């Protein structure tokens, strides 16, 4: 393989691993804020078991957040290095656009997360309740702000706007136009909803596993209800947003749509292919199973709507085979998540929100769907990134023009090391989550020991004299 293919494979390996963790942490920060708020609302209501259940849920999922956040930060650093090692031409050409956007993420989102994460993780009982609640909010807001800047850059690479080219280098003509480029609003909301759904099924799956193992009685029922309700409500919203995103993509990246749908010739009343095997060499599909006019109806909202075919774009279109199947994996997983959440919420409500009354087959289904959001998200990112090819900045800069001249053997070696390390880390992450889910009492007992090491009020007692001295 040449350096271009290996460099793309290495970046794909990195982004596949990295996206798993922000997809959870973005939404989990807000869910922690909800759990924290629910505990504050119920702790003085005379129902101690209810309040303790919310508190236990908050403490348990804070540990999950910390583990997830740590892996997300570490994997993100390696991606940044690859801009210099594998894609030096990218920063040489568009560094005036990409550099500030990445810098804004560090200066705003990362500082918020780093500044308040320690208080959120270790400050409960050591700072005031309002300060701790504010810290949880700041961490949640920081994760969302991080997604904002990263998606602003990635969306600009998909639908570039607000720039001018001088001597082959890109310069910003309008920052609002760069940040709020044509695809950004749809992609940002789509990603936030994907994160919420990924997190919802993580809540559902781990709670179901706890019920199956007979542990976590105080919190599992509540967390499962939160997850099912969140998923049942947000999946229809995601379908609507996905449809709007598709219309936007058809307008600005028609070659991507053609590859997703396996459309070779421009036409009207294009059928929806439920299954096919796109053959790039023969420029046709094999073994088609189609719904007449389906693609035109979905993509243009008209039964005889026109869709441009891949043959209109010569060699300037993405490979149809991975695009076709990645898109269907994403949609298929979404439909399965919709069916699972609606069926689960209805049966759970009939069981009066008592997980012990649910069929064990349903609990096993919930457990099996724990990481379903990962599958849908990764497939969606493959559609996004492969669909931009052969460009790194759509329509303007080709990927082959910015790749490094590092020997292919060196890239191949580091790719193999990355994959081996990432597989080990994923296995370790899932194993730790399984351990935490099966032994929640031990996890919470460990936190109790940590909290006992610093008595409540110790931090405020130390900082109060300092504050008084400052006022003097």
Protein backbone atom coordinates (compact mmCIF):
# COMPACT_ATOMS: atom_id res chain seq x y z
CA UNK A 1 0.00 0.00 0.00
CA UNK A 2 1.10 3.56 -0.63
CA UNK A 3 1.50 6.25 2.01
CA UNK A 4 -1.87 7.86 1.19
CA UNK A 5 -3.93 4.74 1.87
CA UNK A 6 -1.96 3.87 5.01
CA UNK A 7 -2.22 7.41 6.36
CA UNK A 8 -5.97 7.40 5.78
CA UNK A 9 -6.27 4.01 7.48
CA UNK A 10 -4.28 5.29 10.45
CA UNK A 11 -6.46 8.37 10.83
CA UNK A 12 -9.56 6.18 10.48
CA UNK A 13 -8.27 3.94 13.28
CA UNK A 14 -7.65 6.95 15.49
CA UNK A 15 -10.97 8.65 14.89
CA UNK A 16 -12.84 5.35 15.29
CA UNK A 17 -11.33 4.85 18.71
CA UNK A 18 -11.50 8.48 19.81
CA UNK A 19 -15.12 9.15 18.84
CA UNK A 20 -16.33 6.32 21.10
CA UNK A 21 -15.60 8.31 24.25
CA UNK A 22 -16.75 11.88 23.46
CA UNK A 23 -19.94 10.30 22.13
CA UNK A 24 -20.60 9.17 25.70
CA UNK A 25 -19.11 12.04 27.70
CA UNK A 26 -20.88 14.87 25.84
CA UNK A 27 -24.33 13.70 26.92
CA UNK A 28 -23.29 11.98 30.14
CA UNK A 29 -22.19 15.33 31.59
CA UNK A 30 -25.74 16.66 31.22
CA UNK A 31 -27.22 13.45 32.61
CA UNK A 32 -24.98 13.79 35.66
CA UNK A 33 -26.37 17.30 36.12
CA UNK A 34 -29.90 15.85 35.95
CA UNK A 35 -29.12 13.11 38.48
CA UNK A 36 -27.50 15.66 40.78
CA UNK A 37 -30.54 17.94 40.52
CA UNK A 38 -32.93 15.06 41.21
CA UNK A 39 -31.04 14.23 44.39
CA UNK A 40 -31.20 17.83 45.56
CA UNK A 41 -34.96 17.88 44.88
CA UNK A 42 -35.70 14.66 46.78
CA UNK A 43 -33.22 14.65 49.69
CA UNK A 44 -35.50 16.67 52.00
CA UNK A 45 -38.79 15.16 50.88
CA UNK A 46 -39.10 12.49 53.55
CA UNK A 47 -38.35 9.61 51.17
CA UNK A 48 -34.77 8.69 52.09
CA UNK A 49 -34.51 5.56 49.85
CA UNK A 50 -35.62 7.60 46.82
CA UNK A 51 -33.08 10.34 47.50
CA UNK A 52 -30.32 7.81 48.20
CA UNK A 53 -31.07 6.07 44.92
CA UNK A 54 -30.53 9.29 42.96
CA UNK A 55 -27.34 10.01 44.91
CA UNK A 56 -26.01 6.50 44.30
CA UNK A 57 -26.78 6.87 40.59
CA UNK A 58 -24.94 10.17 40.44
CA UNK A 59 -21.86 8.83 42.21
CA UNK A 60 -21.73 5.66 40.12
CA UNK A 61 -22.10 7.42 36.77
CA UNK A 62 -19.58 10.05 37.79
CA UNK A 63 -17.02 7.23 37.92
CA UNK A 64 -18.09 6.13 34.44
CA UNK A 65 -17.72 9.70 33.20
CA UNK A 66 -14.21 10.02 34.67
CA UNK A 67 -13.06 6.80 32.98
CA UNK A 68 -14.61 7.80 29.66
CA UNK A 69 -13.28 11.35 29.79
CA UNK A 70 -9.73 10.17 30.45
CA UNK A 71 -9.67 7.87 27.43
CA UNK A 72 -11.20 10.58 25.25
CA UNK A 73 -8.49 13.08 26.16
CA UNK A 74 -5.64 10.64 25.60
CA UNK A 75 -6.92 9.45 22.22
CA UNK A 76 -7.55 13.03 21.10
CA UNK A 77 -3.92 13.97 21.61
CA UNK A 78 -2.71 11.32 19.16
CA UNK A 79 -5.11 12.66 16.53
CA UNK A 80 -3.61 16.14 16.87
CA UNK A 81 -0.11 14.78 16.30
CA UNK A 82 -1.22 13.15 13.06
CA UNK A 83 -1.91 16.52 11.46
CA UNK A 84 1.84 17.09 11.58
CA UNK A 85 3.14 13.59 10.95
CA UNK A 86 0.76 12.33 8.25
CA UNK A 87 -0.92 15.44 6.85
CA UNK A 88 1.58 18.36 6.93
CA UNK A 89 0.14 19.84 3.76
CA UNK A 90 -3.23 20.26 5.47
CA UNK A 91 -1.95 22.72 8.02
CA UNK A 92 0.25 24.42 5.45
CA UNK A 93 -2.80 25.10 3.27
CA UNK A 94 -5.64 25.62 5.78
CA UNK A 95 -3.81 26.22 9.06
CA UNK A 96 -5.13 29.78 9.21
CA UNK A 97 -8.63 28.34 9.49
CA UNK A 98 -8.07 25.07 11.34
CA UNK A 99 -5.48 26.30 13.85
CA UNK A 100 -7.62 28.99 15.53
CA UNK A 101 -10.66 26.71 15.70
CA UNK A 102 -8.63 24.01 17.45
CA UNK A 103 -7.12 26.70 19.69
CA UNK A 104 -10.55 28.03 20.63
CA UNK A 105 -11.52 24.52 21.73
CA UNK A 106 -8.54 24.38 24.08
CA UNK A 107 -8.95 27.92 25.42
CA UNK A 108 -12.67 27.56 26.14
CA UNK A 109 -13.89 23.97 26.40
CA UNK A 110 -10.75 22.28 27.69
CA UNK A 111 -10.09 24.92 30.34
CA UNK A 112 -13.70 24.67 31.56
CA UNK A 113 -13.48 20.89 31.79
CA UNK A 114 -10.04 20.89 33.41
CA UNK A 115 -10.96 23.65 35.84
CA UNK A 116 -14.16 22.12 37.17
CA UNK A 117 -13.70 18.38 36.64
CA UNK A 118 -11.71 17.94 39.86
CA UNK A 119 -14.37 19.74 41.89
CA UNK A 120 -17.09 17.60 40.34
CA UNK A 121 -15.24 14.33 40.94
CA UNK A 122 -13.79 14.96 44.40
CA UNK A 123 -15.55 18.00 45.83
CA UNK A 124 -18.91 16.58 46.89
CA UNK A 125 -19.22 17.23 50.61
CA UNK A 126 -16.13 19.42 50.58
CA UNK A 127 -17.64 22.44 48.82
CA UNK A 128 -21.14 23.84 49.00
CA UNK A 129 -23.96 22.13 47.14
CA UNK A 130 -24.42 25.09 44.81
CA UNK A 131 -20.72 25.18 43.98
CA UNK A 132 -20.72 21.45 43.27
CA UNK A 133 -23.84 21.71 41.11
CA UNK A 134 -22.26 24.61 39.23
CA UNK A 135 -19.11 22.55 38.69
CA UNK A 136 -21.17 19.71 37.20
CA UNK A 137 -22.87 22.19 34.89
CA UNK A 138 -19.55 23.69 33.78
CA UNK A 139 -18.14 20.26 32.94
CA UNK A 140 -21.25 19.40 30.92
CA UNK A 141 -21.15 22.77 29.16
CA UNK A 142 -17.44 22.29 28.45
CA UNK A 143 -17.98 18.94 26.72
CA UNK A 144 -20.66 20.48 24.52
CA UNK A 145 -18.47 23.49 23.76
CA UNK A 146 -15.69 21.12 22.72
CA UNK A 147 -18.06 19.41 20.29
CA UNK A 148 -19.07 22.84 18.98
CA UNK A 149 -15.55 23.84 17.92
CA UNK A 150 -14.53 20.44 16.57
CA UNK A 151 -17.70 20.12 14.51
CA UNK A 152 -17.30 23.70 13.29
CA UNK A 153 -13.93 22.73 11.81
CA UNK A 154 -15.09 19.37 10.47
CA UNK A 155 -18.22 20.93 8.96
CA UNK A 156 -16.11 23.63 7.30
CA UNK A 157 -14.05 20.87 5.70
CA UNK A 158 -17.32 19.41 4.35
CA UNK A 159 -18.95 22.68 3.25
CA UNK A 160 -16.22 25.38 3.23
CA UNK A 161 -17.36 29.00 3.45
CA UNK A 162 -16.12 32.38 4.68
CA UNK A 163 -12.59 32.02 3.33
CA UNK A 164 -10.36 33.36 0.59
CA UNK A 165 -7.36 31.73 -1.05
CA UNK A 166 -4.15 33.74 -1.38
CA UNK A 167 -1.09 32.11 -2.98
CA UNK A 168 -2.57 28.67 -2.34
CA UNK A 169 -3.20 29.34 1.36
CA UNK A 170 -6.63 29.70 2.94
CA UNK A 171 -7.37 32.82 4.94
CA UNK A 172 -10.47 33.71 6.92
CA UNK A 173 -12.68 36.36 5.34
CA UNK A 174 -15.54 35.98 7.83
CA UNK A 175 -15.36 33.99 11.07
CA UNK A 176 -19.16 33.71 11.43
CA UNK A 177 -19.35 32.27 7.92
CA UNK A 178 -16.52 29.81 8.71
CA UNK A 179 -18.03 28.62 11.98
CA UNK A 180 -21.67 28.63 10.90
CA UNK A 181 -21.03 27.11 7.49
CA UNK A 182 -23.93 25.52 5.57
CA UNK A 183 -23.72 22.05 7.14
CA UNK A 184 -22.69 22.99 10.69
CA UNK A 185 -26.13 23.47 12.33
CA UNK A 186 -27.36 20.09 11.10
CA UNK A 187 -24.19 18.20 11.91
CA UNK A 188 -23.85 19.77 15.37
CA UNK A 189 -27.42 18.91 16.42
CA UNK A 190 -27.14 15.48 14.80
CA UNK A 191 -24.00 14.74 16.82
CA UNK A 192 -25.48 15.97 20.10
CA UNK A 193 -28.50 13.74 19.59
CA UNK A 194 -26.24 10.81 18.66
CA UNK A 195 -24.35 11.33 21.91
CA UNK A 196 -27.58 11.46 23.92
CA UNK A 197 -28.81 8.23 22.34
CA UNK A 198 -25.47 6.49 22.83
CA UNK A 199 -25.50 7.50 26.47
CA UNK A 200 -29.16 6.51 26.89
CA UNK A 201 -28.49 2.96 25.74
CA UNK A 202 -25.39 2.77 27.92
CA UNK A 203 -27.63 3.63 30.88
CA UNK A 204 -30.24 1.10 29.78
CA UNK A 205 -27.74 -1.66 29.13
CA UNK A 206 -25.69 -1.37 32.32
CA UNK A 207 -28.85 -1.02 34.43
CA UNK A 208 -30.32 -4.13 32.82
CA UNK A 209 -27.08 -5.98 33.51
CA UNK A 210 -27.28 -4.95 37.15
CA UNK A 211 -30.86 -6.21 37.37
CA UNK A 212 -29.87 -9.51 35.78
CA UNK A 213 -27.05 -9.84 38.34
CA UNK A 214 -29.26 -8.75 41.25
CA UNK A 215 -27.19 -5.67 42.20
CA UNK A 216 -27.71 -1.91 42.22
CA UNK A 217 -31.27 -2.17 43.50
CA UNK A 218 -31.46 1.43 44.72
CA UNK A 219 -30.50 3.12 41.46
CA UNK A 220 -30.80 0.68 38.53
CA UNK A 221 -34.57 1.05 38.20
CA UNK A 222 -34.41 4.85 38.05
CA UNK A 223 -31.47 4.95 35.67
CA UNK A 224 -33.15 2.46 33.33
CA UNK A 225 -36.29 4.58 33.27
CA UNK A 226 -34.26 7.70 32.49
CA UNK A 227 -32.44 5.94 29.67
CA UNK A 228 -35.56 4.45 28.09
CA UNK A 229 -37.46 7.73 28.27
CA UNK A 230 -34.57 9.66 26.79
CA UNK A 231 -34.13 7.19 23.92
CA UNK A 232 -37.84 6.90 23.15
CA UNK A 233 -38.21 10.68 22.94
CA UNK A 234 -35.01 11.57 21.09
CA UNK A 235 -34.89 8.92 18.35
CA UNK A 236 -37.85 10.43 16.46
CA UNK A 237 -36.18 13.84 16.82
CA UNK A 238 -32.96 12.36 15.43
CA UNK A 239 -34.87 11.00 12.43
CA UNK A 240 -36.23 14.47 11.64
CA UNK A 241 -32.81 16.10 12.06
CA UNK A 242 -31.23 13.37 9.94
CA UNK A 243 -33.74 14.07 7.18
CA UNK A 244 -32.90 17.79 7.28
CA UNK A 245 -29.19 16.93 7.23
CA UNK A 246 -29.79 14.72 4.20
CA UNK A 247 -31.48 17.55 2.30
CA UNK A 248 -28.53 19.80 3.13
CA UNK A 249 -26.05 17.15 1.97
CA UNK A 250 -27.95 16.64 -1.29
CA UNK A 251 -27.60 20.36 -1.97
CA UNK A 252 -23.93 20.81 -1.04
CA UNK A 253 -22.41 17.31 -1.49
CA UNK A 254 -24.45 15.48 -4.13
CA UNK A 255 -21.65 12.99 -4.83
CA UNK A 256 -21.83 11.82 -1.22
CA UNK A 257 -25.57 11.17 -1.54
CA UNK A 258 -25.07 9.32 -4.81
CA UNK A 259 -22.50 7.03 -3.19
CA UNK A 260 -24.69 6.45 -0.12
CA UNK A 261 -27.62 5.41 -2.31
CA UNK A 262 -25.69 3.59 -5.02
CA UNK A 263 -26.97 5.90 -7.77
CA UNK A 264 -24.84 5.78 -10.91
CA UNK A 265 -26.94 7.68 -13.45
CA UNK A 266 -28.72 10.97 -12.88
CA UNK A 267 -32.47 10.50 -12.98
CA UNK A 268 -35.90 11.11 -11.52
CA UNK A 269 -38.00 8.70 -9.51
CA UNK A 270 -34.84 6.98 -8.27
CA UNK A 271 -35.55 3.73 -6.35
CA UNK A 272 -34.45 3.17 -2.76
CA UNK A 273 -32.00 0.29 -2.62
CA UNK A 274 -32.60 -1.88 0.42
CA UNK A 275 -29.69 -4.05 -0.64
CA UNK A 276 -27.13 -4.03 -3.42
CA UNK A 277 -23.42 -4.51 -4.00
CA UNK A 278 -22.03 -1.45 -5.79
CA UNK A 279 -19.38 -2.41 -8.35
CA UNK A 280 -17.07 0.58 -8.93
CA UNK A 281 -15.27 -1.05 -11.86
CA UNK A 282 -18.42 -1.97 -13.76
CA UNK A 283 -20.16 1.26 -12.68
CA UNK A 284 -23.31 -0.63 -11.70
CA UNK A 285 -24.96 -2.41 -8.78
CA UNK A 286 -25.33 -6.13 -8.34
CA UNK A 287 -28.13 -8.04 -6.60
CA UNK A 288 -30.41 -5.04 -6.18
CA UNK A 289 -33.47 -5.11 -3.93
CA UNK A 290 -35.25 -1.81 -4.50
CA UNK A 291 -38.35 0.18 -3.58
CA UNK A 292 -39.58 2.18 -6.60
CA UNK A 293 -39.20 5.98 -6.26
CA UNK A 294 -38.10 5.51 -2.63
CA UNK A 295 -34.77 7.36 -2.80
CA UNK A 296 -36.26 10.36 -4.60
CA UNK A 297 -39.14 10.55 -2.13
CA UNK A 298 -36.86 10.42 0.94
CA UNK A 299 -34.11 12.67 -0.36
CA UNK A 300 -36.14 15.30 -2.22
CA UNK A 301 -39.60 14.77 -0.68
CA UNK A 302 -40.94 14.29 -4.20
CA UNK A 303 -41.62 10.93 -5.84
CA UNK A 304 -40.11 12.13 -9.12
CA UNK A 305 -37.32 14.21 -7.56
CA UNK A 306 -33.98 14.29 -9.36
CA UNK A 307 -30.83 12.75 -7.88
CA UNK A 308 -27.47 13.16 -9.56
CA UNK A 309 -25.54 9.97 -10.27
CA UNK A 310 -21.90 9.12 -9.63
CA UNK A 311 -21.11 9.17 -13.35
CA UNK A 312 -21.62 12.95 -13.30
CA UNK A 313 -18.55 13.38 -11.10
CA UNK A 314 -15.92 11.40 -13.06
CA UNK A 315 -13.23 10.47 -10.51
CA UNK A 316 -14.24 13.16 -7.96
CA UNK A 317 -16.57 11.03 -5.87
CA UNK A 318 -16.17 8.75 -2.82
CA UNK A 319 -16.00 4.96 -3.11
CA UNK A 320 -19.61 3.73 -3.18
CA UNK A 321 -19.19 0.31 -1.56
CA UNK A 322 -18.18 1.39 1.99
CA UNK A 323 -20.51 4.40 1.81
CA UNK A 324 -23.49 2.27 0.81
CA UNK A 325 -23.11 -0.25 3.63
CA UNK A 326 -21.97 2.18 6.33
CA UNK A 327 -25.08 4.28 5.78
CA UNK A 328 -27.35 1.24 6.00
CA UNK A 329 -25.64 0.02 9.16
CA UNK A 330 -26.26 3.44 10.73
CA UNK A 331 -29.91 3.54 9.68
CA UNK A 332 -30.52 -0.11 10.56
CA UNK A 333 -29.07 0.35 14.03
CA UNK A 334 -31.19 3.45 14.48
CA UNK A 335 -34.35 1.55 13.61
CA UNK A 336 -33.40 -1.22 16.04
CA UNK A 337 -32.76 1.36 18.77
CA UNK A 338 -36.14 2.95 18.08
CA UNK A 339 -37.98 -0.38 18.31
CA UNK A 340 -36.10 -1.39 21.46
CA UNK A 341 -36.71 1.89 23.27
CA UNK A 342 -40.41 2.11 22.43
CA UNK A 343 -41.09 -1.53 23.25
CA UNK A 344 -39.00 -1.33 26.41
CA UNK A 345 -40.63 1.89 27.66
CA UNK A 346 -44.13 0.49 27.07
CA UNK A 347 -43.40 -2.83 28.84
CA UNK A 348 -41.56 -1.05 31.67
CA UNK A 349 -44.52 1.25 32.23
CA UNK A 350 -46.87 -1.77 32.29
CA UNK A 351 -44.57 -3.32 34.90
CA UNK A 352 -45.09 -0.15 37.02
CA UNK A 353 -41.40 0.73 36.62
CA UNK A 354 -40.32 -2.42 38.46
CA UNK A 355 -37.42 -3.99 36.51
CA UNK A 356 -37.82 -7.30 38.35
CA UNK A 357 -41.21 -7.71 36.61
CA UNK A 358 -39.74 -7.34 33.11
CA UNK A 359 -39.18 -10.47 31.01
CA UNK A 360 -35.59 -11.63 31.29
CA UNK A 361 -35.42 -11.84 27.51
CA UNK A 362 -36.09 -8.09 27.38
CA UNK A 363 -33.38 -7.43 29.96
CA UNK A 364 -30.94 -9.45 27.92
CA UNK A 365 -31.96 -7.42 24.85
CA UNK A 366 -31.24 -4.22 26.78
CA UNK A 367 -27.85 -5.56 27.85
CA UNK A 368 -27.03 -6.56 24.28
CA UNK A 369 -27.84 -3.03 23.09
CA UNK A 370 -25.49 -1.36 25.58
CA UNK A 371 -23.04 -0.18 22.93
CA UNK A 372 -25.47 0.06 20.01
CA UNK A 373 -24.91 3.81 19.91
CA UNK A 374 -21.22 3.20 19.24
CA UNK A 375 -22.05 1.17 16.13
CA UNK A 376 -24.43 3.80 14.76
CA UNK A 377 -22.05 6.67 15.52
CA UNK A 378 -18.98 5.04 13.98
CA UNK A 379 -20.94 4.08 10.87
CA UNK A 380 -22.20 7.66 10.62
CA UNK A 381 -18.69 9.08 10.94
CA UNK A 382 -17.48 6.72 8.20
CA UNK A 383 -20.22 8.07 5.94
CA UNK A 384 -19.14 11.61 6.79
CA UNK A 385 -15.40 11.17 6.34
CA UNK A 386 -15.29 8.71 3.45
CA UNK A 387 -18.03 10.72 1.77
CA UNK A 388 -15.75 13.77 1.56
CA UNK A 389 -13.17 11.89 -0.53
CA UNK A 390 -11.20 12.43 -2.68
CA UNK A 391 -11.07 15.84 -0.96
CA UNK A 392 -9.85 16.83 2.49
CA UNK A 393 -11.55 20.21 2.03
CA UNK A 394 -14.54 19.41 -0.11
CA UNK A 395 -14.15 20.54 -3.71
CA UNK A 396 -11.02 22.57 -2.99
CA UNK A 397 -8.11 20.50 -1.62
CA UNK A 398 -7.51 16.88 -2.52
CA UNK A 399 -6.40 14.48 0.17
CA UNK A 400 -3.55 13.17 -1.98
CA UNK A 401 -2.07 16.68 -2.23
CA UNK A 402 -1.48 17.11 1.51
CA UNK A 403 -0.24 13.67 2.61
CA UNK A 404 3.26 13.41 4.08
CA UNK A 405 6.27 11.77 2.47
CA UNK A 406 6.85 9.43 5.42
CA UNK A 407 7.84 5.96 4.13
CA UNK A 408 4.83 3.61 3.90
CA UNK A 409 6.60 1.01 6.05
CA UNK A 410 6.84 3.48 8.93
CA UNK A 411 3.16 4.41 8.69
CA UNK A 412 2.22 0.74 8.50
CA UNK A 413 4.21 -0.06 11.63
CA UNK A 414 2.64 2.73 13.67
CA UNK A 415 -0.79 1.76 12.32
CA UNK A 416 -0.33 -1.79 13.58
CA UNK A 417 0.80 -0.51 16.98
CA UNK A 418 -2.15 1.89 17.20
CA UNK A 419 -4.67 -0.85 16.38
CA UNK A 420 -3.16 -3.26 18.91
CA UNK A 421 -3.15 -0.59 21.63
CA UNK A 422 -6.67 0.61 20.87
CA UNK A 423 -8.10 -2.90 20.88
CA UNK A 424 -6.50 -3.53 24.27
CA UNK A 425 -7.86 -0.26 25.65
CA UNK A 426 -11.40 -0.95 24.39
CA UNK A 427 -11.36 -4.40 25.97
CA UNK A 428 -10.07 -2.90 29.21
CA UNK A 429 -12.71 -0.14 29.15
CA UNK A 430 -15.58 -2.58 28.64
CA UNK A 431 -14.16 -4.90 31.29
CA UNK A 432 -13.95 -2.07 33.83
CA UNK A 433 -17.53 -1.00 33.08
CA UNK A 434 -18.66 -4.60 33.54
CA UNK A 435 -16.84 -4.80 36.87
CA UNK A 436 -18.32 -1.51 38.05
CA UNK A 437 -21.83 -2.55 37.02
CA UNK A 438 -21.55 -5.90 38.81
CA UNK A 439 -20.03 -4.43 41.98
CA UNK A 440 -21.62 -0.99 42.43
CA UNK A 441 -21.48 -1.24 46.21
CA UNK A 442 -17.71 -1.67 46.10
CA UNK A 443 -17.41 1.31 43.76
CA UNK A 444 -19.49 3.49 46.06
CA UNK A 445 -17.66 2.20 49.15
CA UNK A 446 -14.36 3.23 47.60
CA UNK A 447 -15.75 6.73 47.08
CA UNK A 448 -16.89 6.83 50.70
CA UNK A 449 -13.33 6.08 51.81
CA UNK A 450 -12.00 8.83 49.54
CA UNK A 451 -14.48 11.33 50.93
CA UNK A 452 -13.64 10.38 54.51
CA UNK A 453 -10.00 11.26 53.87
CA UNK A 454 -11.00 14.92 53.67
CA UNK A 455 -13.72 15.83 56.18
CA UNK A 456 -16.69 17.85 54.91
CA UNK A 457 -15.96 21.55 55.00
CA UNK A 458 -12.19 21.08 55.07
CA UNK A 459 -11.65 22.92 51.81
CA UNK A 460 -13.92 25.80 52.71
CA UNK A 461 -12.35 25.97 56.15
CA UNK A 462 -8.90 26.30 54.59
CA UNK A 463 -9.91 28.80 51.91
CA UNK A 464 -12.01 31.01 54.20
CA UNK A 465 -9.03 32.57 56.07
CA UNK A 466 -7.33 33.13 52.71
CA UNK A 467 -10.39 34.95 51.44
CA UNK A 468 -10.57 37.04 54.61
CA UNK A 469 -6.90 37.91 54.27
CA UNK A 470 -7.47 38.90 50.66
CA UNK A 471 -10.24 41.29 51.66
CA UNK A 472 -8.00 42.85 54.31
